[in-house]
Amino acid sequence: MIERPDVDVLLSGELGQWLQGQALVRDEARKKSNSRFVIAAFIVLPLAAFLLFGPDWGGQIKMWIIGLAAIGAGIWAYAPRAAAIKATKEGINSALATALGLEYVHDTLPGLGFERAKNFRMVPHSDESSFEDLWHGEVGGRAFSLHEAHLQQRRSTGKSTHLVTVFRGPVMTIACDRQFHGTTLVERAKKHRKFGIFGEKDELDIADLNLTKVDMVHPGFEDEFTIYTTDQVEARYLVHPTYVERLIALEQAFAGKKVRTLFHGGELTVVLETENMFESGGMDAARDHEMVEACVAQFMSMAELAGTLNEPGR
């Protein structure tokens, strides 16, 4: 397993020197952003007054124009802050990745782990998707990849359409020490139901495979998880009591929910729903140490628990 980086050592070296310079960049961004907010107010407020008390275009059209103007002005005014926060985050996370012997990329495309999760229906269908915070390399001598996914569905309410978040969280893959004979999917209980209300399905036809439900020897497991597999004997070896305890620990470590895992093709894929993670950048330079600490804790907990999920634990 990788060694936990010392935040004080990181901040006393090149990263700390870079952040000192970045503090000035953030101050300038804050001033520029505040100035833009003032300019935006001088433009949007008179426009709103003119539309509300001026031409007879209908109330809905006027509100749409005012709303779009306010949103556009807000984005323009906040842009300097957003750029400074992103640059700070990329600098911190890149330095952390280097200390871990990994590589970090902020903007990324979906990886093999996400495509596999999508094929096995571990993530919901989406109309819009974005991906960020890719960490990849080796952890404990095993190929490792982790990135965050944000999935949204388009919903209609009357005459308007809006996007709703249906998934946000990390998708992680780590190579396993043994090649699997079959494919085993661990899902939360009662996800795959017969016609919606008639109990759980006994088998799944998914990703061109037929997976059958595993009858667990531990009665408490069925309240939390359901297991589908192409190899019943292997599934019982892989998903043992300690393994389930580690899944629950993974959720608790990130205040996450609905963890699911997949053993397939010599790799373990883990999907977890959480809030936005690895947000190490901020406008307040006085909080840099605190935010680096939080990012280190998040990553190490994820990597360490991933490693334990890869162990037999018998």
Protein backbone atom coordinates (compact mmCIF):
# COMPACT_ATOMS: atom_id res chain seq x y z
CA MET A 1 0.00 0.00 0.00
CA ILE A 2 1.16 3.56 -0.69
CA GLU A 3 2.56 5.68 2.10
CA ARG A 4 0.43 8.55 3.37
CA PRO A 5 1.98 11.92 2.39
CA ASP A 6 2.96 14.31 5.17
CA VAL A 7 1.04 17.53 4.53
CA ASP A 8 3.52 19.65 6.51
CA VAL A 9 6.40 18.33 4.39
CA LEU A 10 4.43 18.99 1.18
CA LEU A 11 3.65 22.56 2.19
CA SER A 12 7.21 23.27 3.28
CA GLY A 13 8.55 22.44 -0.20
CA GLU A 14 7.75 23.48 -3.75
CA LEU A 15 4.00 23.23 -3.22
CA GLY A 16 4.12 25.69 -0.33
CA GLN A 17 6.22 28.15 -2.35
CA TRP A 18 3.82 27.86 -5.29
CA LEU A 19 0.81 28.44 -3.03
CA GLN A 20 2.39 31.61 -1.66
CA GLY A 21 2.45 33.00 -5.18
CA GLN A 22 -1.03 31.64 -5.81
CA ALA A 23 -2.31 33.61 -2.82
CA LEU A 24 -1.57 36.81 -4.73
CA VAL A 25 -3.29 35.41 -7.82
CA ARG A 26 -6.39 34.63 -5.74
CA ASP A 27 -6.41 38.13 -4.24
CA GLU A 28 -6.33 39.64 -7.72
CA ALA A 29 -9.08 37.28 -8.87
CA ARG A 30 -11.23 38.26 -5.89
CA LYS A 31 -10.82 41.99 -6.66
CA LYS A 32 -11.56 41.46 -10.35
CA SER A 33 -14.60 39.36 -9.57
CA ASN A 34 -15.96 41.90 -7.08
CA SER A 35 -15.51 44.66 -9.67
CA ARG A 36 -17.40 42.60 -12.23
CA PHE A 37 -20.28 42.02 -9.80
CA VAL A 38 -20.64 45.80 -9.41
CA ILE A 39 -20.62 46.30 -13.19
CA ALA A 40 -23.12 43.48 -13.63
CA ALA A 41 -25.46 45.07 -11.09
CA PHE A 42 -25.34 48.40 -12.94
CA ILE A 43 -26.36 46.58 -16.13
CA VAL A 44 -28.87 43.98 -14.93
CA LEU A 45 -30.82 46.11 -12.44
CA PRO A 46 -31.68 48.93 -14.92
CA LEU A 47 -32.51 46.28 -17.55
CA ALA A 48 -34.86 44.55 -15.10
CA ALA A 49 -36.54 47.87 -14.18
CA PHE A 50 -36.99 48.77 -17.86
CA LEU A 51 -38.57 45.42 -18.70
CA LEU A 52 -40.84 45.30 -15.65
CA PHE A 53 -42.20 48.82 -16.13
CA GLY A 54 -41.64 49.26 -19.86
CA PRO A 55 -42.79 47.34 -22.96
CA ASP A 56 -45.85 45.12 -22.79
CA TRP A 57 -44.21 41.81 -23.81
CA GLY A 58 -45.91 39.53 -21.33
CA GLY A 59 -44.69 38.72 -17.85
CA GLN A 60 -43.17 35.33 -18.69
CA ILE A 61 -40.99 36.67 -21.52
CA LYS A 62 -39.75 39.50 -19.33
CA MET A 63 -38.84 37.13 -16.49
CA TRP A 64 -36.98 34.85 -18.91
CA ILE A 65 -34.91 37.78 -20.19
CA ILE A 66 -34.17 39.04 -16.69
CA GLY A 67 -33.28 35.56 -15.49
CA LEU A 68 -30.94 34.85 -18.40
CA ALA A 69 -29.28 38.25 -18.02
CA ALA A 70 -28.74 37.67 -14.29
CA ILE A 71 -27.31 34.18 -14.84
CA GLY A 72 -24.99 35.36 -17.63
CA ALA A 73 -23.79 38.32 -15.55
CA GLY A 74 -23.22 36.07 -12.55
CA ILE A 75 -21.15 33.60 -14.54
CA TRP A 76 -19.09 36.43 -16.07
CA ALA A 77 -18.51 38.04 -12.66
CA TYR A 78 -17.55 34.79 -10.93
CA ALA A 79 -15.25 33.58 -13.73
CA PRO A 80 -12.00 35.04 -12.26
CA ARG A 81 -12.65 33.31 -8.93
CA ALA A 82 -13.52 30.03 -10.66
CA ALA A 83 -10.30 30.13 -12.68
CA ALA A 84 -8.19 30.84 -9.58
CA ILE A 85 -9.88 28.04 -7.59
CA LYS A 86 -9.38 25.55 -10.42
CA ALA A 87 -5.71 26.48 -10.83
CA THR A 88 -5.12 26.12 -7.08
CA LYS A 89 -6.89 22.77 -6.98
CA GLU A 90 -4.90 21.45 -9.95
CA GLY A 91 -1.62 22.56 -8.38
CA ILE A 92 -2.40 20.96 -5.01
CA ASN A 93 -3.75 17.71 -6.41
CA SER A 94 -0.91 17.36 -8.91
CA ALA A 95 1.65 17.78 -6.11
CA LEU A 96 -0.24 15.27 -3.99
CA ALA A 97 -0.37 12.79 -6.87
CA THR A 98 3.39 13.15 -7.41
CA ALA A 99 3.98 12.41 -3.72
CA LEU A 100 1.82 9.30 -4.10
CA GLY A 101 3.64 8.14 -7.22
CA LEU A 102 0.52 8.76 -9.32
CA GLU A 103 -0.59 11.12 -12.06
CA TYR A 104 -3.45 13.61 -11.74
CA VAL A 105 -5.56 15.25 -14.45
CA HIS A 106 -8.43 17.63 -13.67
CA ASP A 107 -10.48 17.43 -16.86
CA THR A 108 -10.85 13.92 -18.18
CA LEU A 109 -12.95 11.55 -20.26
CA PRO A 110 -14.78 8.50 -18.90
CA GLY A 111 -12.39 5.61 -18.33
CA LEU A 112 -12.73 1.89 -18.78
CA GLY A 113 -14.10 1.55 -15.25
CA PHE A 114 -16.97 3.91 -16.00
CA GLU A 115 -17.78 2.19 -19.30
CA ARG A 116 -17.84 -1.13 -17.47
CA ALA A 117 -20.05 0.33 -14.73
CA LYS A 118 -22.42 1.65 -17.38
CA ASN A 119 -22.54 -1.70 -19.20
CA PHE A 120 -23.42 -3.48 -15.95
CA ARG A 121 -26.01 -0.80 -15.01
CA MET A 122 -24.10 0.26 -11.92
CA VAL A 123 -24.78 3.90 -12.85
CA PRO A 124 -28.05 5.36 -14.16
CA HIS A 125 -28.74 6.47 -17.72
CA SER A 126 -27.86 10.12 -18.31
CA ASP A 127 -28.51 12.83 -20.89
CA GLU A 128 -25.54 14.94 -19.78
CA SER A 129 -22.31 13.79 -18.15
CA SER A 130 -19.03 15.29 -17.00
CA PHE A 131 -15.87 13.78 -15.54
CA GLU A 132 -13.02 15.22 -13.52
CA ASP A 133 -10.26 14.47 -11.01
CA LEU A 134 -8.54 11.50 -12.62
CA TRP A 135 -5.94 9.78 -10.43
CA HIS A 136 -4.09 6.89 -12.05
CA GLY A 137 -0.97 4.80 -11.70
CA GLU A 138 -0.16 1.99 -9.29
CA VAL A 139 -1.29 1.50 -5.70
CA GLY A 140 0.49 -1.29 -3.86
CA GLY A 141 1.85 -2.60 -7.15
CA ARG A 142 -1.65 -2.82 -8.68
CA ALA A 143 -2.89 -0.75 -11.60
CA PHE A 144 -5.24 1.89 -10.17
CA SER A 145 -7.60 4.46 -11.65
CA LEU A 146 -10.14 6.76 -10.03
CA HIS A 147 -12.19 9.63 -11.37
CA GLU A 148 -15.38 11.44 -10.44
CA ALA A 149 -18.51 11.29 -12.58
CA HIS A 150 -21.46 13.67 -12.60
CA LEU A 151 -24.54 12.38 -14.44
CA GLN A 152 -27.71 14.34 -15.16
CA GLN A 153 -31.06 13.49 -16.69
CA ARG A 154 -33.28 15.96 -18.55
CA ARG A 155 -36.69 16.31 -16.88
CA SER A 156 -39.75 18.17 -18.16
CA THR A 157 -42.19 20.05 -15.94
CA GLY A 158 -44.94 21.65 -17.97
CA LYS A 159 -43.37 23.86 -20.62
CA SER A 160 -39.86 23.92 -19.14
CA THR A 161 -37.03 21.38 -19.20
CA HIS A 162 -34.26 21.16 -16.63
CA LEU A 163 -31.38 18.88 -15.69
CA VAL A 164 -31.47 16.79 -12.51
CA THR A 165 -28.40 15.12 -10.99
CA VAL A 166 -28.94 11.36 -10.85
CA PHE A 167 -25.40 10.38 -9.86
CA ARG A 168 -22.28 12.03 -8.50
CA GLY A 169 -19.34 10.16 -7.09
CA PRO A 170 -16.09 8.30 -7.69
CA VAL A 171 -15.68 5.38 -10.07
CA MET A 172 -12.58 3.37 -9.17
CA THR A 173 -10.84 0.38 -10.71
CA ILE A 174 -7.96 -1.59 -9.25
CA ALA A 175 -6.27 -4.67 -10.68
CA CYS A 176 -6.75 -7.80 -8.62
CA ASP A 177 -4.15 -10.34 -7.61
CA ARG A 178 -6.04 -13.20 -9.22
CA GLN A 179 -7.79 -13.71 -12.52
CA PHE A 180 -11.49 -14.39 -12.08
CA HIS A 181 -13.17 -17.40 -13.61
CA GLY A 182 -16.49 -15.58 -13.69
CA THR A 183 -18.15 -12.20 -13.22
CA THR A 184 -19.63 -11.16 -9.86
CA LEU A 185 -21.78 -8.07 -9.32
CA VAL A 186 -22.52 -6.80 -5.80
CA GLU A 187 -25.50 -4.44 -5.72
CA ARG A 188 -27.60 -2.93 -2.98
CA ALA A 189 -30.56 -5.09 -2.01
CA LYS A 190 -33.79 -4.78 -3.97
CA LYS A 191 -32.36 -2.78 -6.90
CA HIS A 192 -33.29 -5.36 -9.54
CA ARG A 193 -36.93 -6.23 -8.93
CA LYS A 194 -39.37 -8.48 -10.78
CA PHE A 195 -41.84 -6.20 -12.57
CA GLY A 196 -41.20 -3.49 -10.01
CA ILE A 197 -42.96 -5.03 -6.97
CA PHE A 198 -42.69 -8.84 -7.04
CA GLY A 199 -39.42 -9.35 -5.20
CA GLU A 200 -35.88 -9.47 -6.55
CA LYS A 201 -34.91 -10.99 -9.85
CA ASP A 202 -33.30 -14.41 -9.68
CA GLU A 203 -31.08 -13.69 -12.68
CA LEU A 204 -29.86 -10.79 -14.81
CA ASP A 205 -29.11 -10.71 -18.51
CA ILE A 206 -26.57 -7.92 -18.55
CA ALA A 207 -23.50 -6.99 -20.61
CA ASP A 208 -24.04 -10.10 -22.77
CA LEU A 209 -23.83 -12.32 -19.68
CA ASN A 210 -26.35 -14.26 -17.63
CA LEU A 211 -25.82 -13.68 -13.90
CA THR A 212 -27.73 -15.67 -11.31
CA LYS A 213 -28.55 -14.58 -7.76
CA VAL A 214 -26.37 -15.99 -4.99
CA ASP A 215 -28.03 -17.39 -1.88
CA MET A 216 -25.89 -15.90 0.88
CA VAL A 217 -24.94 -18.02 3.87
CA HIS A 218 -25.12 -15.01 6.21
CA PRO A 219 -28.77 -13.94 6.71
CA GLY A 220 -27.84 -10.31 7.44
CA PHE A 221 -26.24 -9.82 4.03
CA GLU A 222 -29.52 -9.98 2.16
CA ASP A 223 -30.79 -6.91 4.02
CA GLU A 224 -27.90 -4.85 2.61
CA PHE A 225 -26.66 -6.43 -0.63
CA THR A 226 -27.64 -8.77 -3.43
CA ILE A 227 -25.04 -10.68 -5.40
CA TYR A 228 -25.34 -11.87 -9.00
CA THR A 229 -22.67 -14.02 -10.61
CA THR A 230 -21.71 -16.41 -13.37
CA ASP A 231 -19.79 -18.54 -10.85
CA GLN A 232 -21.54 -19.32 -7.57
CA VAL A 233 -18.51 -20.91 -5.89
CA GLU A 234 -16.19 -18.03 -6.75
CA ALA A 235 -18.75 -15.44 -5.66
CA ARG A 236 -18.99 -16.98 -2.20
CA TYR A 237 -15.20 -16.89 -1.92
CA LEU A 238 -14.98 -13.25 -3.02
CA VAL A 239 -17.91 -11.83 -1.05
CA HIS A 240 -17.28 -12.97 2.51
CA PRO A 241 -18.37 -11.33 5.81
CA THR A 242 -15.24 -9.18 6.06
CA TYR A 243 -15.76 -7.97 2.51
CA VAL A 244 -19.29 -6.75 3.28
CA GLU A 245 -18.02 -4.99 6.42
CA ARG A 246 -15.47 -3.18 4.24
CA LEU A 247 -18.14 -2.09 1.78
CA ILE A 248 -20.10 -0.54 4.61
CA ALA A 249 -16.91 1.09 5.95
CA LEU A 250 -16.32 2.61 2.51
CA GLU A 251 -19.74 4.24 2.60
CA GLN A 252 -19.23 5.53 6.12
CA ALA A 253 -15.79 6.97 5.35
CA PHE A 254 -17.29 9.32 2.75
CA ALA A 255 -20.84 9.71 4.07
CA GLY A 256 -21.69 8.00 0.79
CA LYS A 257 -24.45 5.66 -0.22
CA LYS A 258 -25.35 2.84 -2.57
CA VAL A 259 -21.86 1.40 -2.95
CA ARG A 260 -21.66 -1.34 -5.59
CA THR A 261 -18.76 -3.41 -6.85
CA LEU A 262 -17.93 -5.63 -9.80
CA PHE A 263 -15.34 -8.39 -10.19
CA HIS A 264 -14.73 -8.73 -13.91
CA GLY A 265 -11.77 -9.28 -16.21
CA GLY A 266 -9.17 -9.31 -13.47
CA GLU A 267 -10.23 -5.93 -12.08
CA LEU A 268 -12.37 -4.70 -9.22
CA THR A 269 -14.65 -1.77 -10.08
CA VAL A 270 -16.13 0.26 -7.21
CA VAL A 271 -18.89 2.85 -7.60
CA LEU A 272 -19.96 5.09 -4.72
CA GLU A 273 -22.40 8.00 -4.57
CA THR A 274 -20.99 10.98 -2.64
CA GLU A 275 -20.76 14.74 -2.61
CA ASN A 276 -18.09 16.41 -4.74
CA MET A 277 -14.66 15.16 -3.63
CA PHE A 278 -11.00 16.28 -3.89
CA GLU A 279 -11.92 19.98 -3.81
CA SER A 280 -8.56 21.08 -2.45
CA GLY A 281 -8.59 24.55 -4.03
CA GLY A 282 -10.24 27.59 -2.47
CA MET A 283 -10.09 31.36 -2.41
CA ASP A 284 -8.96 31.58 1.23
CA ALA A 285 -5.19 30.95 1.37
CA ALA A 286 -5.40 30.58 5.16
CA ARG A 287 -7.35 27.35 4.63
CA ASP A 288 -4.85 25.74 2.24
CA HIS A 289 -3.40 23.44 4.91
CA GLU A 290 -6.89 22.35 6.02
CA MET A 291 -8.04 21.65 2.45
CA VAL A 292 -4.88 19.71 1.56
CA GLU A 293 -5.38 17.62 4.70
CA ALA A 294 -8.98 16.89 3.70
CA CYS A 295 -7.95 15.88 0.17
CA VAL A 296 -5.21 13.59 1.47
CA ALA A 297 -7.65 11.96 3.91
CA GLN A 298 -10.24 11.40 1.18
CA PHE A 299 -7.80 9.87 -1.27
CA MET A 300 -6.00 7.69 1.24
CA SER A 301 -9.25 6.33 2.67
CA MET A 302 -10.42 5.48 -0.84
CA ALA A 303 -7.13 3.82 -1.82
CA GLU A 304 -6.70 1.93 1.45
CA LEU A 305 -10.24 0.61 1.45
CA ALA A 306 -9.90 -0.35 -2.20
CA GLY A 307 -6.87 -2.36 -1.26
CA THR A 308 -8.69 -4.17 1.51
CA LEU A 309 -11.59 -4.97 -0.82
CA ASN A 310 -9.00 -6.70 -3.01
CA GLU A 311 -7.89 -9.03 -0.22
CA PRO A 312 -9.51 -12.35 0.72
CA GLY A 313 -9.77 -11.34 4.40
CA ARG A 314 -10.12 -14.91 5.64
